[in-house]
């Protein structure tokens, strides 16, 4: 069963409060998502670590309910 926009957004918002989150359904099937997350949690972290934090927050659904997730992450601009 694919993951809905609302469910994915709720999970990411819970994991990264006070963040700007933009989700794009890449294939129109709720199964292949792109997430752009701008979060204070990423400040001072290399991109690989930022992506690891997102993957950890979604670890229980990645590769299952959430088949594919492309990430674009960044800390807020000063």
C-alpha atoms as a PDB file:
ATOM      1  CA  UNK A   1       0.000   0.000   0.000  1.00  0.00           C
ATOM      2  CA  UNK A   2       1.553   3.347  -1.016  1.00  0.00           C
ATOM      3  CA  UNK A   3       2.109   6.202   1.415  1.00  0.00           C
ATOM      4  CA  UNK A   4      -0.163   9.205   1.005  1.00  0.00           C
ATOM      5  CA  UNK A   5       1.078  12.770   0.774  1.00  0.00           C
ATOM      6  CA  UNK A   6      -0.632  13.581   4.089  1.00  0.00           C
ATOM      7  CA  UNK A   7       0.937  10.638   5.912  1.00  0.00           C
ATOM      8  CA  UNK A   8       4.444  11.322   4.599  1.00  0.00           C
ATOM      9  CA  UNK A   9       4.147  15.017   5.393  1.00  0.00           C
ATOM     10  CA  UNK A  10       2.884  14.273   8.915  1.00  0.00           C
ATOM     11  CA  UNK A  11       5.783  11.912   9.613  1.00  0.00           C
ATOM     12  CA  UNK A  12       8.386  14.350   8.312  1.00  0.00           C
ATOM     13  CA  UNK A  13       6.822  17.272  10.186  1.00  0.00           C
ATOM     14  CA  UNK A  14       6.863  15.253  13.413  1.00  0.00           C
ATOM     15  CA  UNK A  15      10.518  14.335  12.892  1.00  0.00           C
ATOM     16  CA  UNK A  16      11.581  17.823  11.758  1.00  0.00           C
ATOM     17  CA  UNK A  17       9.362  20.440  13.416  1.00  0.00           C
ATOM     18  CA  UNK A  18       9.758  24.058  12.296  1.00  0.00           C
ATOM     19  CA  UNK A  19      10.908  22.872   8.873  1.00  0.00           C
ATOM     20  CA  UNK A  20       9.879  23.746   5.343  1.00  0.00           C
ATOM     21  CA  UNK A  21       8.796  20.522   3.659  1.00  0.00           C
ATOM     22  CA  UNK A  22       7.796  20.242   0.014  1.00  0.00           C
ATOM     23  CA  UNK A  23       6.739  16.852  -1.338  1.00  0.00           C
ATOM     24  CA  UNK A  24       6.481  15.887  -4.999  1.00  0.00           C
ATOM     25  CA  UNK A  25       4.900  12.649  -6.193  1.00  0.00           C
ATOM     26  CA  UNK A  26       7.364  11.726  -8.942  1.00  0.00           C
ATOM     27  CA  UNK A  27       5.328   8.985 -10.608  1.00  0.00           C
ATOM     28  CA  UNK A  28       1.760   9.901  -9.654  1.00  0.00           C
ATOM     29  CA  UNK A  29       1.424   6.673  -7.668  1.00  0.00           C
ATOM     30  CA  UNK A  30       2.119   7.767  -4.057  1.00  0.00           C
ATOM     31  CA  UNK A  31       5.034   5.332  -4.181  1.00  0.00           C
ATOM     32  CA  UNK A  32       7.914   7.443  -5.544  1.00  0.00           C
ATOM     33  CA  UNK A  33       8.425  10.708  -3.676  1.00  0.00           C
ATOM     34  CA  UNK A  34      10.820  13.616  -3.689  1.00  0.00           C
ATOM     35  CA  UNK A  35      11.138  15.532  -0.436  1.00  0.00           C
ATOM     36  CA  UNK A  36      12.742  18.953  -0.090  1.00  0.00           C
ATOM     37  CA  UNK A  37      13.344  19.625   3.595  1.00  0.00           C
ATOM     38  CA  UNK A  38      14.852  22.829   4.956  1.00  0.00           C
ATOM     39  CA  UNK A  39      15.369  22.271   8.668  1.00  0.00           C
ATOM     40  CA  UNK A  40      17.272  23.861  11.549  1.00  0.00           C
ATOM     41  CA  UNK A  41      18.169  20.264  12.522  1.00  0.00           C
ATOM     42  CA  UNK A  42      20.516  20.171   9.508  1.00  0.00           C
ATOM     43  CA  UNK A  43      22.585  23.192  10.509  1.00  0.00           C
ATOM     44  CA  UNK A  44      26.302  22.366  10.506  1.00  0.00           C
ATOM     45  CA  UNK A  45      25.761  18.833   9.191  1.00  0.00           C
ATOM     46  CA  UNK A  46      27.105  17.462   5.918  1.00  0.00           C
ATOM     47  CA  UNK A  47      24.486  16.439   3.378  1.00  0.00           C
ATOM     48  CA  UNK A  48      25.100  12.719   3.972  1.00  0.00           C
ATOM     49  CA  UNK A  49      24.301  13.132   7.670  1.00  0.00           C
ATOM     50  CA  UNK A  50      21.184  15.179   6.820  1.00  0.00           C
ATOM     51  CA  UNK A  51      19.947  12.351   4.606  1.00  0.00           C
ATOM     52  CA  UNK A  52      20.761   9.786   7.280  1.00  0.00           C
ATOM     53  CA  UNK A  53      18.545  11.676   9.736  1.00  0.00           C
ATOM     54  CA  UNK A  54      15.635  11.608   7.290  1.00  0.00           C
ATOM     55  CA  UNK A  55      16.181   7.926   6.527  1.00  0.00           C
ATOM     56  CA  UNK A  56      16.246   7.145  10.253  1.00  0.00           C
ATOM     57  CA  UNK A  57      12.956   8.988  10.770  1.00  0.00           C
ATOM     58  CA  UNK A  58      11.354   6.846   8.047  1.00  0.00           C
ATOM     59  CA  UNK A  59      13.276   3.605   8.609  1.00  0.00           C
ATOM     60  CA  UNK A  60      10.187   1.533   9.385  1.00  0.00           C
ATOM     61  CA  UNK A  61       8.542   2.342   6.024  1.00  0.00           C
ATOM     62  CA  UNK A  62      11.476   2.798   3.609  1.00  0.00           C
ATOM     63  CA  UNK A  63      11.562   0.036   1.029  1.00  0.00           C
ATOM     64  CA  UNK A  64       8.064  -1.076   2.002  1.00  0.00           C
ATOM     65  CA  UNK A  65       5.171   1.343   2.233  1.00  0.00           C
ATOM     66  CA  UNK A  66       7.511   4.045   0.981  1.00  0.00           C
ATOM     67  CA  UNK A  67       9.137   2.480  -2.075  1.00  0.00           C
ATOM     68  CA  UNK A  68      11.390   5.351  -3.178  1.00  0.00           C
ATOM     69  CA  UNK A  69      12.370   8.707  -1.732  1.00  0.00           C
ATOM     70  CA  UNK A  70      14.630  11.252  -3.393  1.00  0.00           C
ATOM     71  CA  UNK A  71      15.949  13.818  -0.923  1.00  0.00           C
ATOM     72  CA  UNK A  72      16.982  17.424  -1.148  1.00  0.00           C
ATOM     73  CA  UNK A  73      17.952  18.752   2.269  1.00  0.00           C
ATOM     74  CA  UNK A  74      19.451  21.965   3.599  1.00  0.00           C
ATOM     75  CA  UNK A  75      19.650  24.100   6.707  1.00  0.00           C
ATOM     76  CA  UNK A  76      17.797  27.431   6.609  1.00  0.00           C
ATOM     77  CA  UNK A  77      19.649  30.350   5.077  1.00  0.00           C
ATOM     78  CA  UNK A  78      20.972  32.763   7.675  1.00  0.00           C
END
